[in-house]
Amino acid sequence: MTAVRVAVVDDQALFVSGMQMLLESQLDLEFVGSATNGHAAVELVARTEPHVVLMDVRMPIMDGIEATRLIVESGSPARIIILTTFQRDEAVFRAIRLGASGFVTKDATPEFVLAAIRNVHAGQSVLAPSATFDLLRQFAAPAASERPAELALAPLTPREQEIFLLVARGLSNTEVAAAAFVSETTAKTHLRSILSKLGLHNRVHVVIFAYENGLLAR
């Protein structure tokens, strides 16, 4: 079994040390390095090619938002989990809009952090649907266009539109597969096609796209 490679980006040495110890205690996870600012984080990701990055938001030199943007734009397949002190943080929402896969609060339990890393690496969402919708209600702008909301999904096949709406409701791959009466592999294949056609980064972006195009109320 190939271990999940994890990088930690935070300017608090004690926090990084704690995360390193936690990661190294797990047989299926590998700590590949740390950085204390966003600029160093971009270099770290390019050098170590982690599967998952735990990224603090507020750091000197370059913050986690800009680092997230640069890492995503570089084409790195690394999935980014934002570290934050507050759940309702506009900076977190901005990072997610730029491609982060979700967030965990710094007071989360070790078990929750480990589950978040594994879930994100597996292509699931680290955000509970309630937390996602809470962020959307506070920081996202719902659709203001008069065009029919369904036009936003015009690039998708009818089957992909069905899968899209299930994912937008916060369902996991397993739950999507059960609801659509397809295998989990097929559900994942449809999701990859949906992300590609709509230019979205991850399943959290599906929720944001649905909300901003007036699709979640339907």
N, C-alpha and C. Protein backbone atom coordinates (compact mmCIF):
# COMPACT_ATOMS: atom_id res chain seq x y z
N MET A 1 0.85 -1.20 0.00
CA MET A 1 0.00 0.00 0.00
C MET A 1 0.88 1.24 0.00
N THR A 2 0.60 2.16 -0.93
CA THR A 2 1.34 3.41 -1.00
C THR A 2 0.82 4.39 0.04
N ALA A 3 1.72 4.93 0.84
CA ALA A 3 1.31 5.87 1.88
C ALA A 3 0.88 7.19 1.28
N VAL A 4 -0.07 7.84 1.94
CA VAL A 4 -0.51 9.18 1.53
C VAL A 4 0.53 10.18 2.00
N ARG A 5 1.11 10.91 1.07
CA ARG A 5 2.16 11.87 1.37
C ARG A 5 1.53 13.20 1.78
N VAL A 6 1.91 13.69 2.97
CA VAL A 6 1.28 14.88 3.54
C VAL A 6 2.33 15.94 3.87
N ALA A 7 2.08 17.17 3.45
CA ALA A 7 2.92 18.32 3.81
C ALA A 7 2.13 19.23 4.74
N VAL A 8 2.82 19.88 5.66
CA VAL A 8 2.17 20.77 6.63
C VAL A 8 2.74 22.18 6.47
N VAL A 9 1.87 23.16 6.29
CA VAL A 9 2.30 24.55 6.10
C VAL A 9 1.69 25.40 7.21
N ASP A 10 2.55 25.86 8.13
CA ASP A 10 2.08 26.66 9.27
C ASP A 10 3.30 27.33 9.89
N ASP A 11 3.12 28.55 10.38
CA ASP A 11 4.25 29.27 10.97
C ASP A 11 4.39 29.03 12.47
N GLN A 12 3.58 28.14 13.03
CA GLN A 12 3.68 27.81 14.45
C GLN A 12 4.42 26.47 14.59
N ALA A 13 5.64 26.53 15.07
CA ALA A 13 6.49 25.35 15.13
C ALA A 13 5.88 24.24 15.99
N LEU A 14 5.24 24.61 17.09
CA LEU A 14 4.66 23.61 17.97
C LEU A 14 3.55 22.85 17.27
N PHE A 15 2.72 23.57 16.51
CA PHE A 15 1.64 22.93 15.77
C PHE A 15 2.19 21.97 14.73
N VAL A 16 3.22 22.41 14.00
CA VAL A 16 3.83 21.56 12.97
C VAL A 16 4.42 20.30 13.59
N SER A 17 5.10 20.46 14.73
CA SER A 17 5.69 19.30 15.40
C SER A 17 4.62 18.31 15.82
N GLY A 18 3.51 18.84 16.33
CA GLY A 18 2.41 17.97 16.73
C GLY A 18 1.82 17.23 15.55
N MET A 19 1.66 17.92 14.42
CA MET A 19 1.12 17.28 13.22
C MET A 19 2.09 16.23 12.69
N GLN A 20 3.38 16.53 12.74
CA GLN A 20 4.37 15.56 12.28
C GLN A 20 4.30 14.28 13.11
N MET A 21 4.20 14.42 14.42
CA MET A 21 4.11 13.25 15.29
C MET A 21 2.85 12.46 15.00
N LEU A 22 1.75 13.16 14.78
CA LEU A 22 0.48 12.49 14.49
C LEU A 22 0.57 11.71 13.18
N LEU A 23 1.11 12.34 12.15
CA LEU A 23 1.21 11.70 10.85
C LEU A 23 2.14 10.49 10.90
N GLU A 24 3.25 10.64 11.59
CA GLU A 24 4.23 9.56 11.64
C GLU A 24 3.76 8.38 12.49
N SER A 25 2.68 8.58 13.24
CA SER A 25 2.12 7.48 14.03
C SER A 25 1.18 6.60 13.20
N GLN A 26 0.91 7.02 11.95
CA GLN A 26 -0.02 6.30 11.09
C GLN A 26 0.72 5.55 9.99
N LEU A 27 0.41 4.27 9.85
CA LEU A 27 1.12 3.45 8.87
C LEU A 27 0.82 3.85 7.42
N ASP A 28 -0.36 4.42 7.20
CA ASP A 28 -0.75 4.74 5.82
C ASP A 28 -0.50 6.20 5.44
N LEU A 29 0.12 6.96 6.35
CA LEU A 29 0.42 8.37 6.06
C LEU A 29 1.91 8.63 6.20
N GLU A 30 2.41 9.56 5.38
CA GLU A 30 3.83 9.90 5.41
C GLU A 30 4.01 11.42 5.46
N PHE A 31 4.71 11.90 6.46
CA PHE A 31 5.03 13.32 6.57
C PHE A 31 6.21 13.61 5.64
N VAL A 32 6.02 14.51 4.66
CA VAL A 32 7.08 14.75 3.67
C VAL A 32 7.79 16.08 3.86
N GLY A 33 7.32 16.91 4.81
CA GLY A 33 8.01 18.18 5.04
C GLY A 33 7.06 19.28 5.47
N SER A 34 7.63 20.40 5.86
CA SER A 34 6.82 21.53 6.32
C SER A 34 7.38 22.83 5.78
N ALA A 35 6.54 23.87 5.83
CA ALA A 35 6.94 25.21 5.41
C ALA A 35 6.28 26.20 6.35
N THR A 36 6.90 27.37 6.53
CA THR A 36 6.37 28.35 7.48
C THR A 36 5.71 29.55 6.80
N ASN A 37 5.67 29.56 5.47
CA ASN A 37 4.98 30.63 4.76
C ASN A 37 4.55 30.12 3.38
N GLY A 38 3.68 30.87 2.72
CA GLY A 38 3.14 30.42 1.45
C GLY A 38 4.17 30.26 0.35
N HIS A 39 5.15 31.16 0.32
CA HIS A 39 6.18 31.06 -0.72
C HIS A 39 6.96 29.76 -0.59
N ALA A 40 7.36 29.45 0.64
CA ALA A 40 8.07 28.19 0.88
C ALA A 40 7.17 26.99 0.62
N ALA A 41 5.85 27.16 0.84
CA ALA A 41 4.91 26.07 0.60
C ALA A 41 4.86 25.69 -0.88
N VAL A 42 4.86 26.70 -1.74
CA VAL A 42 4.83 26.44 -3.18
C VAL A 42 6.07 25.65 -3.59
N GLU A 43 7.22 26.03 -3.06
CA GLU A 43 8.46 25.32 -3.36
C GLU A 43 8.44 23.91 -2.78
N LEU A 44 7.90 23.76 -1.58
CA LEU A 44 7.83 22.46 -0.93
C LEU A 44 6.97 21.50 -1.74
N VAL A 45 5.83 21.96 -2.21
CA VAL A 45 4.94 21.11 -3.00
C VAL A 45 5.60 20.69 -4.30
N ALA A 46 6.29 21.61 -4.95
CA ALA A 46 6.98 21.28 -6.20
C ALA A 46 8.09 20.27 -5.97
N ARG A 47 8.74 20.36 -4.82
CA ARG A 47 9.89 19.49 -4.54
C ARG A 47 9.48 18.11 -4.03
N THR A 48 8.45 18.05 -3.19
CA THR A 48 8.12 16.78 -2.53
C THR A 48 6.90 16.08 -3.11
N GLU A 49 6.11 16.78 -3.91
CA GLU A 49 4.93 16.21 -4.57
C GLU A 49 4.00 15.48 -3.59
N PRO A 50 3.50 16.18 -2.58
CA PRO A 50 2.59 15.55 -1.62
C PRO A 50 1.23 15.27 -2.24
N HIS A 51 0.52 14.32 -1.65
CA HIS A 51 -0.86 14.07 -2.07
C HIS A 51 -1.81 15.07 -1.42
N VAL A 52 -1.50 15.44 -0.18
CA VAL A 52 -2.37 16.34 0.59
C VAL A 52 -1.50 17.39 1.28
N VAL A 53 -2.00 18.63 1.29
CA VAL A 53 -1.30 19.73 1.98
C VAL A 53 -2.24 20.31 3.03
N LEU A 54 -1.76 20.38 4.27
CA LEU A 54 -2.48 21.10 5.32
C LEU A 54 -1.95 22.52 5.32
N MET A 55 -2.78 23.49 4.96
CA MET A 55 -2.34 24.86 4.69
C MET A 55 -2.96 25.87 5.64
N ASP A 56 -2.13 26.53 6.44
CA ASP A 56 -2.63 27.61 7.28
C ASP A 56 -3.02 28.79 6.40
N VAL A 57 -3.95 29.61 6.88
CA VAL A 57 -4.41 30.76 6.10
C VAL A 57 -3.50 31.96 6.28
N ARG A 58 -3.23 32.31 7.53
CA ARG A 58 -2.51 33.56 7.81
C ARG A 58 -1.06 33.27 8.21
N MET A 59 -0.14 33.66 7.31
CA MET A 59 1.30 33.45 7.52
C MET A 59 2.07 34.64 6.96
N PRO A 60 3.31 34.85 7.39
CA PRO A 60 4.12 35.95 6.86
C PRO A 60 4.58 35.68 5.44
N ILE A 61 5.05 36.70 4.78
CA ILE A 61 5.62 36.67 3.42
C ILE A 61 4.55 36.40 2.37
N MET A 62 3.88 35.26 2.45
CA MET A 62 2.77 34.94 1.55
C MET A 62 1.75 34.13 2.33
N ASP A 63 0.48 34.51 2.24
CA ASP A 63 -0.53 33.79 3.01
C ASP A 63 -0.96 32.51 2.30
N GLY A 64 -1.80 31.73 2.98
CA GLY A 64 -2.23 30.45 2.43
C GLY A 64 -3.16 30.56 1.25
N ILE A 65 -3.86 31.69 1.13
CA ILE A 65 -4.76 31.89 0.00
C ILE A 65 -3.98 31.99 -1.30
N GLU A 66 -2.97 32.86 -1.30
CA GLU A 66 -2.14 33.03 -2.49
C GLU A 66 -1.36 31.76 -2.80
N ALA A 67 -0.89 31.08 -1.77
CA ALA A 67 -0.16 29.83 -1.98
C ALA A 67 -1.08 28.78 -2.61
N THR A 68 -2.31 28.73 -2.15
CA THR A 68 -3.28 27.80 -2.74
C THR A 68 -3.48 28.10 -4.21
N ARG A 69 -3.64 29.38 -4.54
CA ARG A 69 -3.84 29.76 -5.94
C ARG A 69 -2.66 29.32 -6.80
N LEU A 70 -1.45 29.57 -6.33
CA LEU A 70 -0.26 29.23 -7.12
C LEU A 70 -0.09 27.71 -7.27
N ILE A 71 -0.38 26.98 -6.22
CA ILE A 71 -0.25 25.52 -6.29
C ILE A 71 -1.27 24.94 -7.26
N VAL A 72 -2.50 25.41 -7.18
CA VAL A 72 -3.55 24.93 -8.09
C VAL A 72 -3.21 25.29 -9.53
N GLU A 73 -2.79 26.53 -9.75
CA GLU A 73 -2.47 26.98 -11.11
C GLU A 73 -1.24 26.28 -11.68
N SER A 74 -0.38 25.74 -10.80
CA SER A 74 0.80 25.03 -11.28
C SER A 74 0.44 23.67 -11.89
N GLY A 75 -0.79 23.23 -11.64
CA GLY A 75 -1.21 21.92 -12.13
C GLY A 75 -0.92 20.79 -11.17
N SER A 76 -0.45 21.12 -9.99
CA SER A 76 -0.17 20.08 -8.99
C SER A 76 -1.45 19.33 -8.64
N PRO A 77 -1.38 18.01 -8.54
CA PRO A 77 -2.56 17.22 -8.14
C PRO A 77 -2.79 17.22 -6.63
N ALA A 78 -1.92 17.89 -5.88
CA ALA A 78 -2.05 17.92 -4.42
C ALA A 78 -3.40 18.50 -4.02
N ARG A 79 -4.04 17.87 -3.06
CA ARG A 79 -5.30 18.37 -2.53
C ARG A 79 -4.99 19.19 -1.27
N ILE A 80 -5.59 20.36 -1.18
CA ILE A 80 -5.26 21.29 -0.11
C ILE A 80 -6.39 21.37 0.90
N ILE A 81 -6.04 21.19 2.16
CA ILE A 81 -6.98 21.36 3.27
C ILE A 81 -6.55 22.61 4.04
N ILE A 82 -7.43 23.56 4.16
CA ILE A 82 -7.12 24.81 4.85
C ILE A 82 -7.24 24.62 6.37
N LEU A 83 -6.26 25.16 7.08
CA LEU A 83 -6.28 25.16 8.54
C LEU A 83 -6.75 26.53 9.01
N THR A 84 -7.73 26.56 9.89
CA THR A 84 -8.27 27.83 10.33
C THR A 84 -8.66 27.78 11.80
N THR A 85 -8.74 28.94 12.41
CA THR A 85 -9.19 29.05 13.80
C THR A 85 -10.70 29.16 13.87
N PHE A 86 -11.31 29.76 12.82
CA PHE A 86 -12.75 29.99 12.82
C PHE A 86 -13.41 29.28 11.65
N GLN A 87 -14.58 28.69 11.88
CA GLN A 87 -15.31 28.06 10.79
C GLN A 87 -15.85 29.10 9.81
N ARG A 88 -16.35 30.20 10.34
CA ARG A 88 -16.92 31.22 9.46
C ARG A 88 -15.85 32.25 9.15
N ASP A 89 -15.03 31.94 8.19
CA ASP A 89 -13.88 32.77 7.86
C ASP A 89 -13.90 33.02 6.35
N GLU A 90 -14.00 34.29 5.95
CA GLU A 90 -14.06 34.60 4.53
C GLU A 90 -12.79 34.15 3.82
N ALA A 91 -11.65 34.17 4.52
CA ALA A 91 -10.39 33.73 3.91
C ALA A 91 -10.48 32.26 3.53
N VAL A 92 -11.14 31.47 4.35
CA VAL A 92 -11.33 30.05 4.04
C VAL A 92 -12.16 29.91 2.77
N PHE A 93 -13.23 30.66 2.69
CA PHE A 93 -14.08 30.59 1.50
C PHE A 93 -13.30 30.98 0.24
N ARG A 94 -12.48 32.02 0.35
CA ARG A 94 -11.68 32.45 -0.81
C ARG A 94 -10.72 31.35 -1.24
N ALA A 95 -10.10 30.67 -0.26
CA ALA A 95 -9.17 29.58 -0.59
C ALA A 95 -9.90 28.43 -1.26
N ILE A 96 -11.11 28.13 -0.79
CA ILE A 96 -11.90 27.06 -1.40
C ILE A 96 -12.28 27.44 -2.83
N ARG A 97 -12.65 28.70 -3.03
CA ARG A 97 -12.96 29.16 -4.39
C ARG A 97 -11.78 28.99 -5.33
N LEU A 98 -10.58 29.10 -4.79
CA LEU A 98 -9.36 28.98 -5.60
C LEU A 98 -8.94 27.53 -5.82
N GLY A 99 -9.59 26.59 -5.15
CA GLY A 99 -9.27 25.19 -5.40
C GLY A 99 -9.00 24.32 -4.20
N ALA A 100 -9.00 24.89 -2.99
CA ALA A 100 -8.81 24.05 -1.81
C ALA A 100 -9.99 23.09 -1.67
N SER A 101 -9.73 21.93 -1.08
CA SER A 101 -10.76 20.90 -0.98
C SER A 101 -11.63 21.02 0.26
N GLY A 102 -11.33 21.96 1.13
CA GLY A 102 -12.11 22.13 2.34
C GLY A 102 -11.26 22.69 3.46
N PHE A 103 -11.75 22.58 4.68
CA PHE A 103 -10.99 23.13 5.80
C PHE A 103 -11.20 22.29 7.05
N VAL A 104 -10.26 22.41 7.98
CA VAL A 104 -10.43 21.86 9.33
C VAL A 104 -10.02 22.96 10.30
N THR A 105 -10.68 23.01 11.44
CA THR A 105 -10.30 23.99 12.45
C THR A 105 -9.15 23.43 13.28
N LYS A 106 -8.33 24.32 13.81
CA LYS A 106 -7.14 23.88 14.54
C LYS A 106 -7.46 23.22 15.87
N ASP A 107 -8.71 23.34 16.32
CA ASP A 107 -9.08 22.65 17.54
C ASP A 107 -9.77 21.31 17.26
N ALA A 108 -9.72 20.87 16.00
CA ALA A 108 -10.32 19.58 15.64
C ALA A 108 -9.56 18.46 16.33
N THR A 109 -10.22 17.35 16.55
CA THR A 109 -9.57 16.20 17.17
C THR A 109 -8.59 15.57 16.19
N PRO A 110 -7.55 14.90 16.70
CA PRO A 110 -6.62 14.20 15.81
C PRO A 110 -7.34 13.22 14.88
N GLU A 111 -8.36 12.55 15.39
CA GLU A 111 -9.10 11.59 14.58
C GLU A 111 -9.80 12.28 13.40
N PHE A 112 -10.34 13.48 13.65
CA PHE A 112 -11.02 14.21 12.59
C PHE A 112 -10.01 14.64 11.52
N VAL A 113 -8.86 15.14 11.94
CA VAL A 113 -7.83 15.58 10.99
C VAL A 113 -7.37 14.40 10.13
N LEU A 114 -7.12 13.26 10.75
CA LEU A 114 -6.68 12.08 10.01
C LEU A 114 -7.76 11.63 9.02
N ALA A 115 -9.01 11.65 9.45
CA ALA A 115 -10.11 11.27 8.56
C ALA A 115 -10.21 12.25 7.39
N ALA A 116 -10.00 13.55 7.67
CA ALA A 116 -10.07 14.56 6.63
C ALA A 116 -8.99 14.31 5.57
N ILE A 117 -7.79 14.01 6.00
CA ILE A 117 -6.69 13.73 5.07
C ILE A 117 -7.03 12.54 4.19
N ARG A 118 -7.49 11.48 4.82
CA ARG A 118 -7.81 10.26 4.06
C ARG A 118 -8.99 10.48 3.11
N ASN A 119 -10.00 11.19 3.57
CA ASN A 119 -11.17 11.43 2.72
C ASN A 119 -10.82 12.29 1.51
N VAL A 120 -10.06 13.34 1.74
CA VAL A 120 -9.68 14.23 0.63
C VAL A 120 -8.82 13.48 -0.38
N HIS A 121 -7.90 12.68 0.11
CA HIS A 121 -7.05 11.90 -0.81
C HIS A 121 -7.89 10.94 -1.63
N ALA A 122 -8.99 10.44 -1.06
CA ALA A 122 -9.86 9.50 -1.75
C ALA A 122 -10.85 10.19 -2.67
N GLY A 123 -10.81 11.52 -2.71
CA GLY A 123 -11.70 12.26 -3.59
C GLY A 123 -13.01 12.68 -2.94
N GLN A 124 -13.12 12.46 -1.64
CA GLN A 124 -14.32 12.87 -0.93
C GLN A 124 -14.17 14.31 -0.46
N SER A 125 -15.20 14.83 0.17
CA SER A 125 -15.15 16.19 0.70
C SER A 125 -14.81 16.16 2.17
N VAL A 126 -13.98 17.10 2.59
CA VAL A 126 -13.67 17.22 4.01
C VAL A 126 -14.72 18.07 4.72
N LEU A 127 -15.53 18.76 3.94
CA LEU A 127 -16.56 19.63 4.51
C LEU A 127 -17.88 18.90 4.65
N ALA A 128 -18.46 18.94 5.82
CA ALA A 128 -19.81 18.44 5.99
C ALA A 128 -20.75 19.35 5.20
N PRO A 129 -21.83 18.80 4.62
CA PRO A 129 -22.75 19.65 3.84
C PRO A 129 -23.21 20.88 4.62
N SER A 130 -23.50 20.73 5.92
CA SER A 130 -23.97 21.88 6.71
C SER A 130 -22.93 22.97 6.79
N ALA A 131 -21.64 22.59 6.91
CA ALA A 131 -20.57 23.59 6.97
C ALA A 131 -20.40 24.27 5.62
N THR A 132 -20.53 23.50 4.55
CA THR A 132 -20.42 24.07 3.21
C THR A 132 -21.50 25.11 2.98
N PHE A 133 -22.75 24.74 3.29
CA PHE A 133 -23.86 25.66 3.06
C PHE A 133 -23.78 26.88 3.97
N ASP A 134 -23.23 26.71 5.15
CA ASP A 134 -23.05 27.84 6.07
C ASP A 134 -22.11 28.87 5.46
N LEU A 135 -20.98 28.37 4.90
CA LEU A 135 -20.04 29.27 4.24
C LEU A 135 -20.68 29.96 3.04
N LEU A 136 -21.44 29.20 2.27
CA LEU A 136 -22.08 29.76 1.08
C LEU A 136 -23.07 30.86 1.45
N ARG A 137 -23.88 30.59 2.45
CA ARG A 137 -24.87 31.59 2.85
C ARG A 137 -24.22 32.88 3.32
N GLN A 138 -23.03 32.76 3.92
CA GLN A 138 -22.39 33.94 4.48
C GLN A 138 -21.54 34.70 3.46
N PHE A 139 -20.87 33.97 2.55
CA PHE A 139 -19.88 34.63 1.71
C PHE A 139 -20.12 34.54 0.20
N ALA A 140 -20.96 33.61 -0.25
CA ALA A 140 -21.17 33.46 -1.70
C ALA A 140 -22.36 34.29 -2.14
N ALA A 141 -22.32 34.69 -3.41
CA ALA A 141 -23.42 35.46 -3.98
C ALA A 141 -24.31 34.52 -4.78
N PRO A 142 -25.59 34.38 -4.43
CA PRO A 142 -26.48 33.52 -5.22
C PRO A 142 -26.72 34.12 -6.59
N ALA A 143 -27.28 33.32 -7.48
CA ALA A 143 -27.47 33.75 -8.86
C ALA A 143 -28.36 34.98 -8.94
N ALA A 144 -27.92 35.94 -9.78
CA ALA A 144 -28.71 37.13 -10.01
C ALA A 144 -29.21 37.19 -11.44
N SER A 145 -28.76 36.22 -12.25
CA SER A 145 -29.12 36.20 -13.67
C SER A 145 -30.57 35.78 -13.85
N GLU A 146 -31.21 36.30 -14.90
CA GLU A 146 -32.58 35.92 -15.20
C GLU A 146 -32.65 34.70 -16.09
N ARG A 147 -31.52 34.19 -16.55
CA ARG A 147 -31.54 33.01 -17.42
C ARG A 147 -31.98 31.79 -16.61
N PRO A 148 -32.62 30.82 -17.25
CA PRO A 148 -33.01 29.60 -16.54
C PRO A 148 -31.80 28.93 -15.90
N ALA A 149 -31.93 28.52 -14.66
CA ALA A 149 -30.79 27.92 -13.95
C ALA A 149 -30.27 26.68 -14.66
N GLU A 150 -31.18 25.94 -15.34
CA GLU A 150 -30.77 24.71 -15.99
C GLU A 150 -29.72 24.92 -17.08
N LEU A 151 -29.65 26.14 -17.63
CA LEU A 151 -28.67 26.42 -18.68
C LEU A 151 -27.25 26.27 -18.16
N ALA A 152 -27.05 26.44 -16.87
CA ALA A 152 -25.71 26.29 -16.28
C ALA A 152 -25.21 24.88 -16.45
N LEU A 153 -26.13 23.92 -16.55
CA LEU A 153 -25.75 22.51 -16.68
C LEU A 153 -25.84 22.01 -18.13
N ALA A 154 -26.02 22.93 -19.06
CA ALA A 154 -26.17 22.54 -20.46
C ALA A 154 -25.02 21.69 -21.00
N PRO A 155 -23.76 21.92 -20.55
CA PRO A 155 -22.67 21.09 -21.09
C PRO A 155 -22.73 19.62 -20.66
N LEU A 156 -23.58 19.30 -19.70
CA LEU A 156 -23.62 17.95 -19.14
C LEU A 156 -24.71 17.11 -19.78
N THR A 157 -24.48 15.81 -19.82
CA THR A 157 -25.51 14.89 -20.27
C THR A 157 -26.59 14.79 -19.18
N PRO A 158 -27.78 14.28 -19.53
CA PRO A 158 -28.81 14.13 -18.50
C PRO A 158 -28.33 13.30 -17.30
N ARG A 159 -27.57 12.25 -17.54
CA ARG A 159 -27.07 11.43 -16.45
C ARG A 159 -26.09 12.23 -15.59
N GLU A 160 -25.21 13.01 -16.23
CA GLU A 160 -24.25 13.83 -15.50
C GLU A 160 -24.97 14.91 -14.68
N GLN A 161 -26.06 15.45 -15.23
CA GLN A 161 -26.83 16.45 -14.48
C GLN A 161 -27.41 15.83 -13.22
N GLU A 162 -27.87 14.59 -13.33
CA GLU A 162 -28.40 13.89 -12.16
C GLU A 162 -27.31 13.71 -11.10
N ILE A 163 -26.13 13.26 -11.54
CA ILE A 163 -25.01 13.06 -10.62
C ILE A 163 -24.59 14.40 -10.01
N PHE A 164 -24.55 15.44 -10.84
CA PHE A 164 -24.17 16.78 -10.36
C PHE A 164 -25.04 17.20 -9.19
N LEU A 165 -26.36 17.07 -9.33
CA LEU A 165 -27.27 17.53 -8.30
C LEU A 165 -27.15 16.70 -7.03
N LEU A 166 -26.82 15.43 -7.15
CA LEU A 166 -26.60 14.59 -5.97
C LEU A 166 -25.34 15.04 -5.22
N VAL A 167 -24.27 15.31 -5.98
CA VAL A 167 -23.03 15.78 -5.37
C VAL A 167 -23.25 17.16 -4.74
N ALA A 168 -24.02 18.01 -5.41
CA ALA A 168 -24.28 19.36 -4.91
C ALA A 168 -25.04 19.33 -3.59
N ARG A 169 -25.77 18.27 -3.35
CA ARG A 169 -26.50 18.13 -2.07
C ARG A 169 -25.59 17.64 -0.96
N GLY A 170 -24.31 17.37 -1.30
CA GLY A 170 -23.36 16.97 -0.28
C GLY A 170 -23.19 15.48 -0.13
N LEU A 171 -23.74 14.68 -1.05
CA LEU A 171 -23.63 13.24 -0.94
C LEU A 171 -22.21 12.76 -1.26
N SER A 172 -21.77 11.72 -0.59
CA SER A 172 -20.46 11.11 -0.86
C SER A 172 -20.55 10.26 -2.13
N ASN A 173 -19.42 9.78 -2.61
CA ASN A 173 -19.43 8.92 -3.79
C ASN A 173 -20.28 7.68 -3.57
N THR A 174 -20.18 7.10 -2.38
CA THR A 174 -20.96 5.90 -2.07
C THR A 174 -22.45 6.21 -2.08
N GLU A 175 -22.82 7.35 -1.50
CA GLU A 175 -24.23 7.75 -1.46
C GLU A 175 -24.74 8.11 -2.85
N VAL A 176 -23.91 8.77 -3.66
CA VAL A 176 -24.29 9.10 -5.04
C VAL A 176 -24.54 7.82 -5.83
N ALA A 177 -23.64 6.87 -5.69
CA ALA A 177 -23.77 5.61 -6.41
C ALA A 177 -25.07 4.90 -6.05
N ALA A 178 -25.40 4.88 -4.76
CA ALA A 178 -26.63 4.22 -4.31
C ALA A 178 -27.87 4.94 -4.84
N ALA A 179 -27.85 6.27 -4.79
CA ALA A 179 -29.01 7.04 -5.22
C ALA A 179 -29.22 6.96 -6.73
N ALA A 180 -28.13 6.86 -7.49
CA ALA A 180 -28.22 6.84 -8.95
C ALA A 180 -28.24 5.42 -9.51
N PHE A 181 -28.16 4.41 -8.62
CA PHE A 181 -28.16 3.01 -9.03
C PHE A 181 -27.03 2.69 -10.00
N VAL A 182 -25.83 3.17 -9.65
CA VAL A 182 -24.63 2.86 -10.44
C VAL A 182 -23.54 2.42 -9.47
N SER A 183 -22.44 1.90 -10.01
CA SER A 183 -21.33 1.52 -9.15
C SER A 183 -20.60 2.78 -8.69
N GLU A 184 -19.83 2.65 -7.62
CA GLU A 184 -19.07 3.79 -7.12
C GLU A 184 -18.03 4.23 -8.14
N THR A 185 -17.45 3.28 -8.85
CA THR A 185 -16.49 3.62 -9.91
C THR A 185 -17.14 4.46 -10.99
N THR A 186 -18.36 4.07 -11.38
CA THR A 186 -19.09 4.84 -12.40
C THR A 186 -19.42 6.23 -11.89
N ALA A 187 -19.80 6.33 -10.63
CA ALA A 187 -20.11 7.64 -10.04
C ALA A 187 -18.88 8.54 -10.08
N LYS A 188 -17.71 7.98 -9.75
CA LYS A 188 -16.47 8.76 -9.79
C LYS A 188 -16.13 9.19 -11.21
N THR A 189 -16.37 8.31 -12.17
CA THR A 189 -16.10 8.65 -13.58
C THR A 189 -16.98 9.80 -14.03
N HIS A 190 -18.26 9.74 -13.67
CA HIS A 190 -19.17 10.84 -14.01
C HIS A 190 -18.72 12.14 -13.36
N LEU A 191 -18.29 12.07 -12.11
CA LEU A 191 -17.86 13.28 -11.41
C LEU A 191 -16.63 13.90 -12.08
N ARG A 192 -15.69 13.06 -12.48
CA ARG A 192 -14.51 13.59 -13.18
C ARG A 192 -14.92 14.31 -14.46
N SER A 193 -15.86 13.73 -15.19
CA SER A 193 -16.34 14.36 -16.43
C SER A 193 -17.04 15.68 -16.13
N ILE A 194 -17.84 15.71 -15.08
CA ILE A 194 -18.55 16.92 -14.69
C ILE A 194 -17.57 18.04 -14.35
N LEU A 195 -16.57 17.73 -13.54
CA LEU A 195 -15.58 18.73 -13.15
C LEU A 195 -14.87 19.28 -14.38
N SER A 196 -14.51 18.38 -15.31
CA SER A 196 -13.81 18.81 -16.52
C SER A 196 -14.68 19.70 -17.39
N LYS A 197 -15.92 19.32 -17.61
CA LYS A 197 -16.80 20.09 -18.49
C LYS A 197 -17.16 21.46 -17.93
N LEU A 198 -17.28 21.55 -16.61
CA LEU A 198 -17.68 22.81 -15.99
C LEU A 198 -16.49 23.63 -15.49
N GLY A 199 -15.27 23.08 -15.63
CA GLY A 199 -14.08 23.80 -15.20
C GLY A 199 -13.98 23.96 -13.70
N LEU A 200 -14.41 22.93 -12.97
CA LEU A 200 -14.40 22.98 -11.51
C LEU A 200 -13.25 22.14 -10.97
N HIS A 201 -12.77 22.49 -9.77
CA HIS A 201 -11.61 21.80 -9.20
C HIS A 201 -11.97 20.55 -8.42
N ASN A 202 -13.05 20.57 -7.69
CA ASN A 202 -13.38 19.46 -6.80
C ASN A 202 -14.86 19.49 -6.47
N ARG A 203 -15.32 18.53 -5.65
CA ARG A 203 -16.74 18.41 -5.35
C ARG A 203 -17.26 19.59 -4.52
N VAL A 204 -16.40 20.25 -3.76
CA VAL A 204 -16.85 21.44 -3.04
C VAL A 204 -17.21 22.53 -4.04
N HIS A 205 -16.46 22.62 -5.12
CA HIS A 205 -16.78 23.60 -6.17
C HIS A 205 -18.11 23.29 -6.84
N VAL A 206 -18.48 22.01 -6.86
CA VAL A 206 -19.80 21.65 -7.40
C VAL A 206 -20.89 22.31 -6.56
N VAL A 207 -20.74 22.25 -5.25
CA VAL A 207 -21.72 22.87 -4.35
C VAL A 207 -21.78 24.38 -4.57
N ILE A 208 -20.61 25.01 -4.65
CA ILE A 208 -20.55 26.45 -4.87
C ILE A 208 -21.19 26.83 -6.20
N PHE A 209 -20.85 26.08 -7.25
CA PHE A 209 -21.41 26.33 -8.59
C PHE A 209 -22.93 26.21 -8.56
N ALA A 210 -23.43 25.18 -7.90
CA ALA A 210 -24.88 24.96 -7.82
C ALA A 210 -25.55 26.11 -7.08
N TYR A 211 -24.96 26.53 -5.98
CA TYR A 211 -25.53 27.62 -5.19
C TYR A 211 -25.56 28.92 -5.99
N GLU A 212 -24.45 29.25 -6.63
CA GLU A 212 -24.34 30.53 -7.32
C GLU A 212 -25.15 30.55 -8.61
N ASN A 213 -25.59 29.39 -9.08
CA ASN A 213 -26.43 29.34 -10.28
C ASN A 213 -27.89 29.01 -9.96
N GLY A 214 -28.23 29.10 -8.67
CA GLY A 214 -29.63 28.90 -8.29
C GLY A 214 -30.15 27.50 -8.44
N LEU A 215 -29.25 26.51 -8.31
CA LEU A 215 -29.65 25.12 -8.54
C LEU A 215 -29.98 24.35 -7.26
N LEU A 216 -29.51 24.83 -6.13
CA LEU A 216 -29.70 24.07 -4.91
C LEU A 216 -31.14 24.11 -4.39
N ALA A 217 -31.86 25.12 -4.75
CA ALA A 217 -33.24 25.23 -4.26
C ALA A 217 -34.21 24.39 -5.07
N ARG A 218 -33.69 23.77 -6.14
CA ARG A 218 -34.58 23.03 -7.04
C ARG A 218 -34.69 21.59 -6.65
